Amino acid sequence: MVLTINGAPVRIDFDTILIWVLVGLVAGFLASHLALGHGLGVIGDTVVGILGAIIGGFLAAVFHFSIALVGHPIISAMIIAFIGAALLLIVVRLFSGGARRRAY
């Protein structure tokens, strides 16, 4: 499937989805351990990382902020996703009312 974003074609195939999941997993894992002090599980970390990538990409576009490591676009994407996921988890933690629900 081919989508266009601002005139640039974006192909969605198995490889692209796999990269999204891997970037989301790494970014979500790091952000959950930083913001919460514990992980959310494989699926939770992946979802948080993918949502963080969307939020981080949106904020980077709004504030004209970009991170570019020459030859390493996946690492650049992981950094933006990590920033977005950390912000997402910090905001969720702020609005959660301070109640700690931890399974022992």
PDB file of N, CA and C in Angstrom:
ATOM      1  N   MET A   1       0.839  -1.155   0.000  1.00  0.00           N
ATOM      2  CA  MET A   1       0.000   0.000   0.000  1.00  0.00           C
ATOM      3  C   MET A   1       0.898   1.236   0.000  1.00  0.00           C
ATOM      4  N   VAL A   2       0.542   2.234  -0.769  1.00  0.00           N
ATOM      5  CA  VAL A   2       1.328   3.459  -0.860  1.00  0.00           C
ATOM      6  C   VAL A   2       0.449   4.638  -0.457  1.00  0.00           C
ATOM      7  N   LEU A   3       0.891   5.387   0.529  1.00  0.00           N
ATOM      8  CA  LEU A   3       0.234   6.618   0.952  1.00  0.00           C
ATOM      9  C   LEU A   3       1.127   7.785   0.575  1.00  0.00           C
ATOM     10  N   THR A   4       0.547   8.950   0.435  1.00  0.00           N
ATOM     11  CA  THR A   4       1.370  10.133   0.194  1.00  0.00           C
ATOM     12  C   THR A   4       1.180  11.115   1.333  1.00  0.00           C
ATOM     13  N   ILE A   5       2.286  11.597   1.849  1.00  0.00           N
ATOM     14  CA  ILE A   5       2.288  12.607   2.898  1.00  0.00           C
ATOM     15  C   ILE A   5       3.085  13.781   2.376  1.00  0.00           C
ATOM     16  N   ASN A   6       2.411  14.899   2.195  1.00  0.00           N
ATOM     17  CA  ASN A   6       3.023  16.104   1.611  1.00  0.00           C
ATOM     18  C   ASN A   6       3.647  15.817   0.250  1.00  0.00           C
ATOM     19  N   GLY A   7       3.036  14.946  -0.513  1.00  0.00           N
ATOM     20  CA  GLY A   7       3.509  14.639  -1.848  1.00  0.00           C
ATOM     21  C   GLY A   7       4.571  13.555  -1.903  1.00  0.00           C
ATOM     22  N   ALA A   8       5.094  13.133  -0.752  1.00  0.00           N
ATOM     23  CA  ALA A   8       6.124  12.092  -0.723  1.00  0.00           C
ATOM     24  C   ALA A   8       5.454  10.737  -0.503  1.00  0.00           C
ATOM     25  N   PRO A   9       5.788   9.754  -1.324  1.00  0.00           N
ATOM     26  CA  PRO A   9       5.172   8.439  -1.150  1.00  0.00           C
ATOM     27  C   PRO A   9       5.711   7.725   0.088  1.00  0.00           C
ATOM     28  N   VAL A  10       4.806   7.110   0.831  1.00  0.00           N
ATOM     29  CA  VAL A  10       5.169   6.312   1.997  1.00  0.00           C
ATOM     30  C   VAL A  10       4.617   4.915   1.770  1.00  0.00           C
ATOM     31  N   ARG A  11       5.494   3.945   1.668  1.00  0.00           N
ATOM     32  CA  ARG A  11       5.078   2.572   1.430  1.00  0.00           C
ATOM     33  C   ARG A  11       4.880   1.859   2.764  1.00  0.00           C
ATOM     34  N   ILE A  12       3.749   1.193   2.897  1.00  0.00           N
ATOM     35  CA  ILE A  12       3.464   0.433   4.102  1.00  0.00           C
ATOM     36  C   ILE A  12       3.478  -1.036   3.721  1.00  0.00           C
ATOM     37  N   ASP A  13       4.528  -1.716   4.153  1.00  0.00           N
ATOM     38  CA  ASP A  13       4.643  -3.149   3.926  1.00  0.00           C
ATOM     39  C   ASP A  13       5.126  -3.793   5.221  1.00  0.00           C
ATOM     40  N   PHE A  14       5.413  -5.071   5.176  1.00  0.00           N
ATOM     41  CA  PHE A  14       5.801  -5.801   6.383  1.00  0.00           C
ATOM     42  C   PHE A  14       7.071  -5.224   7.000  1.00  0.00           C
ATOM     43  N   ASP A  15       8.040  -4.871   6.181  1.00  0.00           N
ATOM     44  CA  ASP A  15       9.300  -4.324   6.696  1.00  0.00           C
ATOM     45  C   ASP A  15       9.078  -3.005   7.429  1.00  0.00           C
ATOM     46  N   THR A  16       8.244  -2.150   6.887  1.00  0.00           N
ATOM     47  CA  THR A  16       7.961  -0.856   7.513  1.00  0.00           C
ATOM     48  C   THR A  16       7.272  -1.051   8.861  1.00  0.00           C
ATOM     49  N   ILE A  17       6.301  -1.939   8.904  1.00  0.00           N
ATOM     50  CA  ILE A  17       5.590  -2.197  10.160  1.00  0.00           C
ATOM     51  C   ILE A  17       6.532  -2.810  11.186  1.00  0.00           C
ATOM     52  N   LEU A  18       7.417  -3.700  10.764  1.00  0.00           N
ATOM     53  CA  LEU A  18       8.390  -4.302  11.668  1.00  0.00           C
ATOM     54  C   LEU A  18       9.331  -3.243  12.238  1.00  0.00           C
ATOM     55  N   ILE A  19       9.755  -2.295  11.426  1.00  0.00           N
ATOM     56  CA  ILE A  19      10.624  -1.220  11.908  1.00  0.00           C
ATOM     57  C   ILE A  19       9.871  -0.346  12.902  1.00  0.00           C
ATOM     58  N   TRP A  20       8.593  -0.040  12.625  1.00  0.00           N
ATOM     59  CA  TRP A  20       7.779   0.746  13.569  1.00  0.00           C
ATOM     60  C   TRP A  20       7.699   0.034  14.913  1.00  0.00           C
ATOM     61  N   VAL A  21       7.468  -1.276  14.889  1.00  0.00           N
ATOM     62  CA  VAL A  21       7.345  -2.041  16.129  1.00  0.00           C
ATOM     63  C   VAL A  21       8.675  -2.057  16.887  1.00  0.00           C
ATOM     64  N   LEU A  22       9.773  -2.256  16.189  1.00  0.00           N
ATOM     65  CA  LEU A  22      11.074  -2.299  16.860  1.00  0.00           C
ATOM     66  C   LEU A  22      11.465  -0.935  17.432  1.00  0.00           C
ATOM     67  N   VAL A  23      11.237   0.129  16.669  1.00  0.00           N
ATOM     68  CA  VAL A  23      11.520   1.476  17.167  1.00  0.00           C
ATOM     69  C   VAL A  23      10.619   1.775  18.357  1.00  0.00           C
ATOM     70  N   GLY A  24       9.345   1.408  18.268  1.00  0.00           N
ATOM     71  CA  GLY A  24       8.418   1.619  19.371  1.00  0.00           C
ATOM     72  C   GLY A  24       8.801   0.836  20.616  1.00  0.00           C
ATOM     73  N   LEU A  25       9.257  -0.391  20.432  1.00  0.00           N
ATOM     74  CA  LEU A  25       9.649  -1.221  21.569  1.00  0.00           C
ATOM     75  C   LEU A  25      10.843  -0.622  22.299  1.00  0.00           C
ATOM     76  N   VAL A  26      11.869  -0.228  21.558  1.00  0.00           N
ATOM     77  CA  VAL A  26      13.066   0.345  22.184  1.00  0.00           C
ATOM     78  C   VAL A  26      12.739   1.671  22.856  1.00  0.00           C
ATOM     79  N   ALA A  27      12.039   2.549  22.153  1.00  0.00           N
ATOM     80  CA  ALA A  27      11.707   3.860  22.716  1.00  0.00           C
ATOM     81  C   ALA A  27      10.774   3.723  23.916  1.00  0.00           C
ATOM     82  N   GLY A  28       9.777   2.862  23.835  1.00  0.00           N
ATOM     83  CA  GLY A  28       8.846   2.657  24.940  1.00  0.00           C
ATOM     84  C   GLY A  28       9.511   2.032  26.152  1.00  0.00           C
ATOM     85  N   PHE A  29      10.408   1.093  25.922  1.00  0.00           N
ATOM     86  CA  PHE A  29      11.137   0.459  27.021  1.00  0.00           C
ATOM     87  C   PHE A  29      11.971   1.490  27.774  1.00  0.00           C
ATOM     88  N   LEU A  30      12.753   2.271  27.024  1.00  0.00           N
ATOM     89  CA  LEU A  30      13.604   3.280  27.669  1.00  0.00           C
ATOM     90  C   LEU A  30      12.778   4.350  28.373  1.00  0.00           C
ATOM     91  N   ALA A  31      11.712   4.809  27.725  1.00  0.00           N
ATOM     92  CA  ALA A  31      10.891   5.867  28.313  1.00  0.00           C
ATOM     93  C   ALA A  31      10.145   5.382  29.547  1.00  0.00           C
ATOM     94  N   SER A  32       9.618   4.162  29.524  1.00  0.00           N
ATOM     95  CA  SER A  32       8.878   3.666  30.685  1.00  0.00           C
ATOM     96  C   SER A  32       9.802   3.464  31.876  1.00  0.00           C
ATOM     97  N   HIS A  33      11.009   3.016  31.628  1.00  0.00           N
ATOM     98  CA  HIS A  33      11.954   2.859  32.730  1.00  0.00           C
ATOM     99  C   HIS A  33      12.430   4.207  33.264  1.00  0.00           C
ATOM    100  N   LEU A  34      12.523   5.202  32.395  1.00  0.00           N
ATOM    101  CA  LEU A  34      12.936   6.530  32.835  1.00  0.00           C
ATOM    102  C   LEU A  34      11.803   7.252  33.560  1.00  0.00           C
ATOM    103  N   ALA A  35      10.612   7.267  32.985  1.00  0.00           N
ATOM    104  CA  ALA A  35       9.509   8.051  33.534  1.00  0.00           C
ATOM    105  C   ALA A  35       8.793   7.346  34.685  1.00  0.00           C
ATOM    106  N   LEU A  36       8.702   6.038  34.643  1.00  0.00           N
ATOM    107  CA  LEU A  36       7.930   5.312  35.644  1.00  0.00           C
ATOM    108  C   LEU A  36       8.786   4.509  36.615  1.00  0.00           C
ATOM    109  N   GLY A  37       9.984   4.167  36.219  1.00  0.00           N
ATOM    110  CA  GLY A  37      10.841   3.358  37.068  1.00  0.00           C
ATOM    111  C   GLY A  37      10.672   1.867  36.862  1.00  0.00           C
ATOM    112  N   HIS A  38       9.742   1.481  36.012  1.00  0.00           N
ATOM    113  CA  HIS A  38       9.514   0.070  35.694  1.00  0.00           C
ATOM    114  C   HIS A  38       8.921  -0.021  34.298  1.00  0.00           C
ATOM    115  N   GLY A  39       9.048  -1.184  33.693  1.00  0.00           N
ATOM    116  CA  GLY A  39       8.520  -1.385  32.353  1.00  0.00           C
ATOM    117  C   GLY A  39       7.028  -1.671  32.358  1.00  0.00           C
ATOM    118  N   LEU A  40       6.453  -1.671  31.174  1.00  0.00           N
ATOM    119  CA  LEU A  40       5.023  -1.930  31.009  1.00  0.00           C
ATOM    120  C   LEU A  40       4.755  -3.245  30.294  1.00  0.00           C
ATOM    121  N   GLY A  41       5.772  -4.032  30.086  1.00  0.00           N
ATOM    122  CA  GLY A  41       5.627  -5.268  29.331  1.00  0.00           C
ATOM    123  C   GLY A  41       5.934  -5.016  27.855  1.00  0.00           C
ATOM    124  N   VAL A  42       6.086  -6.062  27.119  1.00  0.00           N
ATOM    125  CA  VAL A  42       6.474  -5.932  25.707  1.00  0.00           C
ATOM    126  C   VAL A  42       5.418  -5.169  24.913  1.00  0.00           C
ATOM    127  N   ILE A  43       4.168  -5.534  25.056  1.00  0.00           N
ATOM    128  CA  ILE A  43       3.108  -4.884  24.279  1.00  0.00           C
ATOM    129  C   ILE A  43       2.895  -3.454  24.767  1.00  0.00           C
ATOM    130  N   GLY A  44       2.889  -3.251  26.069  1.00  0.00           N
ATOM    131  CA  GLY A  44       2.721  -1.901  26.612  1.00  0.00           C
ATOM    132  C   GLY A  44       3.834  -0.965  26.199  1.00  0.00           C
ATOM    133  N   ASP A  45       5.082  -1.452  26.263  1.00  0.00           N
ATOM    134  CA  ASP A  45       6.217  -0.625  25.843  1.00  0.00           C
ATOM    135  C   ASP A  45       6.144  -0.302  24.355  1.00  0.00           C
ATOM    136  N   THR A  46       5.731  -1.276  23.548  1.00  0.00           N
ATOM    137  CA  THR A  46       5.625  -1.057  22.106  1.00  0.00           C
ATOM    138  C   THR A  46       4.552  -0.021  21.785  1.00  0.00           C
ATOM    139  N   VAL A  47       3.396  -0.143  22.425  1.00  0.00           N
ATOM    140  CA  VAL A  47       2.303   0.817  22.188  1.00  0.00           C
ATOM    141  C   VAL A  47       2.718   2.217  22.623  1.00  0.00           C
ATOM    142  N   VAL A  48       3.333   2.319  23.802  1.00  0.00           N
ATOM    143  CA  VAL A  48       3.793   3.624  24.291  1.00  0.00           C
ATOM    144  C   VAL A  48       4.840   4.204  23.348  1.00  0.00           C
ATOM    145  N   GLY A  49       5.737   3.366  22.847  1.00  0.00           N
ATOM    146  CA  GLY A  49       6.766   3.844  21.922  1.00  0.00           C
ATOM    147  C   GLY A  49       6.196   4.320  20.598  1.00  0.00           C
ATOM    148  N   ILE A  50       5.220   3.602  20.059  1.00  0.00           N
ATOM    149  CA  ILE A  50       4.615   4.017  18.789  1.00  0.00           C
ATOM    150  C   ILE A  50       3.813   5.299  18.977  1.00  0.00           C
ATOM    151  N   LEU A  51       3.038   5.395  20.074  1.00  0.00           N
ATOM    152  CA  LEU A  51       2.332   6.650  20.362  1.00  0.00           C
ATOM    153  C   LEU A  51       3.324   7.784  20.610  1.00  0.00           C
ATOM    154  N   GLY A  52       4.423   7.469  21.272  1.00  0.00           N
ATOM    155  CA  GLY A  52       5.460   8.467  21.493  1.00  0.00           C
ATOM    156  C   GLY A  52       6.100   8.940  20.208  1.00  0.00           C
ATOM    157  N   ALA A  53       6.246   8.027  19.246  1.00  0.00           N
ATOM    158  CA  ALA A  53       6.798   8.419  17.948  1.00  0.00           C
ATOM    159  C   ALA A  53       5.850   9.377  17.230  1.00  0.00           C
ATOM    160  N   ILE A  54       4.558   9.121  17.343  1.00  0.00           N
ATOM    161  CA  ILE A  54       3.579  10.016  16.715  1.00  0.00           C
ATOM    162  C   ILE A  54       3.619  11.378  17.397  1.00  0.00           C
ATOM    163  N   ILE A  55       3.608  11.384  18.727  1.00  0.00           N
ATOM    164  CA  ILE A  55       3.641  12.645  19.474  1.00  0.00           C
ATOM    165  C   ILE A  55       4.955  13.370  19.239  1.00  0.00           C
ATOM    166  N   GLY A  56       6.068  12.650  19.307  1.00  0.00           N
ATOM    167  CA  GLY A  56       7.373  13.269  19.087  1.00  0.00           C
ATOM    168  C   GLY A  56       7.526  13.826  17.684  1.00  0.00           C
ATOM    169  N   GLY A  57       7.028  13.098  16.693  1.00  0.00           N
ATOM    170  CA  GLY A  57       7.079  13.590  15.316  1.00  0.00           C
ATOM    171  C   GLY A  57       6.234  14.823  15.120  1.00  0.00           C
ATOM    172  N   PHE A  58       5.060  14.845  15.755  1.00  0.00           N
ATOM    173  CA  PHE A  58       4.187  16.018  15.662  1.00  0.00           C
ATOM    174  C   PHE A  58       4.847  17.226  16.323  1.00  0.00           C
ATOM    175  N   LEU A  59       5.379  17.041  17.531  1.00  0.00           N
ATOM    176  CA  LEU A  59       6.020  18.158  18.233  1.00  0.00           C
ATOM    177  C   LEU A  59       7.275  18.632  17.503  1.00  0.00           C
ATOM    178  N   ALA A  60       8.014  17.708  16.912  1.00  0.00           N
ATOM    179  CA  ALA A  60       9.202  18.094  16.150  1.00  0.00           C
ATOM    180  C   ALA A  60       8.819  18.926  14.931  1.00  0.00           C
ATOM    181  N   ALA A  61       7.703  18.580  14.305  1.00  0.00           N
ATOM    182  CA  ALA A  61       7.249  19.355  13.142  1.00  0.00           C
ATOM    183  C   ALA A  61       6.727  20.725  13.562  1.00  0.00           C
ATOM    184  N   VAL A  62       6.020  20.780  14.685  1.00  0.00           N
ATOM    185  CA  VAL A  62       5.472  22.060  15.153  1.00  0.00           C
ATOM    186  C   VAL A  62       6.587  23.022  15.543  1.00  0.00           C
ATOM    187  N   PHE A  63       7.585  22.512  16.259  1.00  0.00           N
ATOM    188  CA  PHE A  63       8.664  23.370  16.752  1.00  0.00           C
ATOM    189  C   PHE A  63       9.872  23.418  15.819  1.00  0.00           C
ATOM    190  N   HIS A  64       9.748  22.845  14.619  1.00  0.00           N
ATOM    191  CA  HIS A  64      10.827  22.837  13.619  1.00  0.00           C
ATOM    192  C   HIS A  64      12.117  22.288  14.225  1.00  0.00           C
ATOM    193  N   PHE A  65      12.001  21.167  14.880  1.00  0.00           N
ATOM    194  CA  PHE A  65      13.107  20.515  15.567  1.00  0.00           C
ATOM    195  C   PHE A  65      13.403  19.208  14.858  1.00  0.00           C
ATOM    196  N   SER A  66      14.658  18.943  14.582  1.00  0.00           N
ATOM    197  CA  SER A  66      14.992  17.673  13.940  1.00  0.00           C
ATOM    198  C   SER A  66      16.312  17.148  14.484  1.00  0.00           C
ATOM    199  N   ILE A  67      16.400  15.850  14.529  1.00  0.00           N
ATOM    200  CA  ILE A  67      17.621  15.171  14.920  1.00  0.00           C
ATOM    201  C   ILE A  67      18.027  14.320  13.733  1.00  0.00           C
ATOM    202  N   ALA A  68      19.217  14.528  13.248  1.00  0.00           N
ATOM    203  CA  ALA A  68      19.665  13.771  12.090  1.00  0.00           C
ATOM    204  C   ALA A  68      21.071  13.239  12.339  1.00  0.00           C
ATOM    205  N   LEU A  69      21.166  11.936  12.416  1.00  0.00           N
ATOM    206  CA  LEU A  69      22.458  11.280  12.470  1.00  0.00           C
ATOM    207  C   LEU A  69      22.722  10.745  11.072  1.00  0.00           C
ATOM    208  N   VAL A  70      23.752  11.221  10.445  1.00  0.00           N
ATOM    209  CA  VAL A  70      24.027  10.865   9.058  1.00  0.00           C
ATOM    210  C   VAL A  70      24.260   9.362   8.955  1.00  0.00           C
ATOM    211  N   GLY A  71      23.461   8.723   8.118  1.00  0.00           N
ATOM    212  CA  GLY A  71      23.587   7.288   7.893  1.00  0.00           C
ATOM    213  C   GLY A  71      22.828   6.433   8.888  1.00  0.00           C
ATOM    214  N   HIS A  72      22.171   7.059   9.864  1.00  0.00           N
ATOM    215  CA  HIS A  72      21.457   6.297  10.879  1.00  0.00           C
ATOM    216  C   HIS A  72      20.056   6.868  11.105  1.00  0.00           C
ATOM    217  N   PRO A  73      19.157   6.725  10.138  1.00  0.00           N
ATOM    218  CA  PRO A  73      17.810   7.294  10.311  1.00  0.00           C
ATOM    219  C   PRO A  73      16.987   6.572  11.372  1.00  0.00           C
ATOM    220  N   ILE A  74      17.253   5.300  11.625  1.00  0.00           N
ATOM    221  CA  ILE A  74      16.481   4.577  12.629  1.00  0.00           C
ATOM    222  C   ILE A  74      16.827   5.072  14.030  1.00  0.00           C
ATOM    223  N   ILE A  75      18.090   5.374  14.271  1.00  0.00           N
ATOM    224  CA  ILE A  75      18.483   5.907  15.572  1.00  0.00           C
ATOM    225  C   ILE A  75      17.871   7.288  15.779  1.00  0.00           C
ATOM    226  N   SER A  76      17.818   8.090  14.729  1.00  0.00           N
ATOM    227  CA  SER A  76      17.161   9.397  14.818  1.00  0.00           C
ATOM    228  C   SER A  76      15.684   9.237  15.146  1.00  0.00           C
ATOM    229  N   ALA A  77      15.038   8.267  14.521  1.00  0.00           N
ATOM    230  CA  ALA A  77      13.626   8.002  14.794  1.00  0.00           C
ATOM    231  C   ALA A  77      13.432   7.508  16.224  1.00  0.00           C
ATOM    232  N   MET A  78      14.354   6.694  16.727  1.00  0.00           N
ATOM    233  CA  MET A  78      14.263   6.209  18.101  1.00  0.00           C
ATOM    234  C   MET A  78      14.393   7.351  19.104  1.00  0.00           C
ATOM    235  N   ILE A  79      15.253   8.308  18.823  1.00  0.00           N
ATOM    236  CA  ILE A  79      15.425   9.442  19.733  1.00  0.00           C
ATOM    237  C   ILE A  79      14.156  10.277  19.781  1.00  0.00           C
ATOM    238  N   ILE A  80      13.582  10.578  18.613  1.00  0.00           N
ATOM    239  CA  ILE A  80      12.333  11.348  18.575  1.00  0.00           C
ATOM    240  C   ILE A  80      11.213  10.570  19.253  1.00  0.00           C
ATOM    241  N   ALA A  81      11.122   9.255  19.003  1.00  0.00           N
ATOM    242  CA  ALA A  81      10.089   8.428  19.637  1.00  0.00           C
ATOM    243  C   ALA A  81      10.296   8.369  21.145  1.00  0.00           C
ATOM    244  N   PHE A  82      11.538   8.285  21.596  1.00  0.00           N
ATOM    245  CA  PHE A  82      11.835   8.270  23.025  1.00  0.00           C
ATOM    246  C   PHE A  82      11.392   9.564  23.693  1.00  0.00           C
ATOM    247  N   ILE A  83      11.686  10.693  23.067  1.00  0.00           N
ATOM    248  CA  ILE A  83      11.284  11.990  23.623  1.00  0.00           C
ATOM    249  C   ILE A  83       9.759  12.069  23.722  1.00  0.00           C
ATOM    250  N   GLY A  84       9.068  11.675  22.659  1.00  0.00           N
ATOM    251  CA  GLY A  84       7.606  11.696  22.679  1.00  0.00           C
ATOM    252  C   GLY A  84       7.022  10.742  23.701  1.00  0.00           C
ATOM    253  N   ALA A  85       7.594   9.536  23.811  1.00  0.00           N
ATOM    254  CA  ALA A  85       7.081   8.555  24.773  1.00  0.00           C
ATOM    255  C   ALA A  85       7.340   9.007  26.208  1.00  0.00           C
ATOM    256  N   ALA A  86       8.499   9.590  26.463  1.00  0.00           N
ATOM    257  CA  ALA A  86       8.798  10.086  27.809  1.00  0.00           C
ATOM    258  C   ALA A  86       7.839  11.214  28.183  1.00  0.00           C
ATOM    259  N   LEU A  87       7.581  12.124  27.245  1.00  0.00           N
ATOM    260  CA  LEU A  87       6.618  13.195  27.517  1.00  0.00           C
ATOM    261  C   LEU A  87       5.227  12.633  27.768  1.00  0.00           C
ATOM    262  N   LEU A  88       4.826  11.648  26.975  1.00  0.00           N
ATOM    263  CA  LEU A  88       3.515  11.019  27.156  1.00  0.00           C
ATOM    264  C   LEU A  88       3.396  10.396  28.539  1.00  0.00           C
ATOM    265  N   LEU A  89       4.405   9.647  28.963  1.00  0.00           N
ATOM    266  CA  LEU A  89       4.339   8.979  30.257  1.00  0.00           C
ATOM    267  C   LEU A  89       4.418   9.964  31.416  1.00  0.00           C
ATOM    268  N   ILE A  90       5.175  11.036  31.261  1.00  0.00           N
ATOM    269  CA  ILE A  90       5.248  12.049  32.311  1.00  0.00           C
ATOM    270  C   ILE A  90       3.894  12.739  32.466  1.00  0.00           C
ATOM    271  N   VAL A  91       3.244  13.067  31.356  1.00  0.00           N
ATOM    272  CA  VAL A  91       1.925  13.695  31.423  1.00  0.00           C
ATOM    273  C   VAL A  91       0.908  12.728  32.037  1.00  0.00           C
ATOM    274  N   VAL A  92       0.943  11.469  31.653  1.00  0.00           N
ATOM    275  CA  VAL A  92       0.031  10.479  32.222  1.00  0.00           C
ATOM    276  C   VAL A  92       0.288  10.342  33.724  1.00  0.00           C
ATOM    277  N   ARG A  93       1.544  10.337  34.114  1.00  0.00           N
ATOM    278  CA  ARG A  93       1.880  10.220  35.531  1.00  0.00           C
ATOM    279  C   ARG A  93       1.419  11.451  36.319  1.00  0.00           C
ATOM    280  N   LEU A  94       1.523  12.638  35.714  1.00  0.00           N
ATOM    281  CA  LEU A  94       1.071  13.853  36.389  1.00  0.00           C
ATOM    282  C   LEU A  94      -0.433  13.854  36.609  1.00  0.00           C
ATOM    283  N   PHE A  95      -1.189  13.365  35.624  1.00  0.00           N
ATOM    284  CA  PHE A  95      -2.642  13.383  35.720  1.00  0.00           C
ATOM    285  C   PHE A  95      -3.237  12.123  36.331  1.00  0.00           C
ATOM    286  N   SER A  96      -2.403  11.194  36.751  1.00  0.00           N
ATOM    287  CA  SER A  96      -2.941   9.971  37.338  1.00  0.00           C
ATOM    288  C   SER A  96      -3.351  10.162  38.790  1.00  0.00           C
ATOM    289  N   GLY A  97      -3.118  11.318  39.361  1.00  0.00           N
ATOM    290  CA  GLY A  97      -3.552  11.606  40.715  1.00  0.00           C
ATOM    291  C   GLY A  97      -2.584  11.157  41.782  1.00  0.00           C
ATOM    292  N   GLY A  98      -1.435  10.682  41.388  1.00  0.00           N
ATOM    293  CA  GLY A  98      -0.435  10.282  42.366  1.00  0.00           C
ATOM    294  C   GLY A  98      -0.698   8.929  43.003  1.00  0.00           C
ATOM    295  N   ALA A  99      -1.790   8.286  42.644  1.00  0.00           N
ATOM    296  CA  ALA A  99      -2.096   6.976  43.202  1.00  0.00           C
ATOM    297  C   ALA A  99      -1.182   5.944  42.576  1.00  0.00           C
ATOM    298  N   ARG A 100      -0.523   5.193  43.429  1.00  0.00           N
ATOM    299  CA  ARG A 100       0.373   4.164  42.920  1.00  0.00           C
ATOM    300  C   ARG A 100      -0.323   2.812  43.008  1.00  0.00           C
ATOM    301  N   ARG A 101      -0.484   2.207  41.846  1.00  0.00           N
ATOM    302  CA  ARG A 101      -1.088   0.886  41.785  1.00  0.00           C
ATOM    303  C   ARG A 101      -0.014  -0.067  41.302  1.00  0.00           C
ATOM    304  N   ARG A 102       0.565  -0.807  42.234  1.00  0.00           N
ATOM    305  CA  ARG A 102       1.650  -1.688  41.871  1.00  0.00           C
ATOM    306  C   ARG A 102       1.324  -3.085  42.386  1.00  0.00           C
ATOM    307  N   ALA A 103       1.453  -4.061  41.541  1.00  0.00           N
ATOM    308  CA  ALA A 103       1.198  -5.441  41.935  1.00  0.00           C
ATOM    309  C   ALA A 103       2.428  -5.993  42.652  1.00  0.00           C
ATOM    310  N   TYR A 104       2.187  -6.605  43.781  1.00  0.00           N
ATOM    311  CA  TYR A 104       3.301  -7.186  44.538  1.00  0.00           C
ATOM    312  C   TYR A 104       3.311  -8.673  44.416  1.00  0.00           C
TER     313      TYR A 104
END
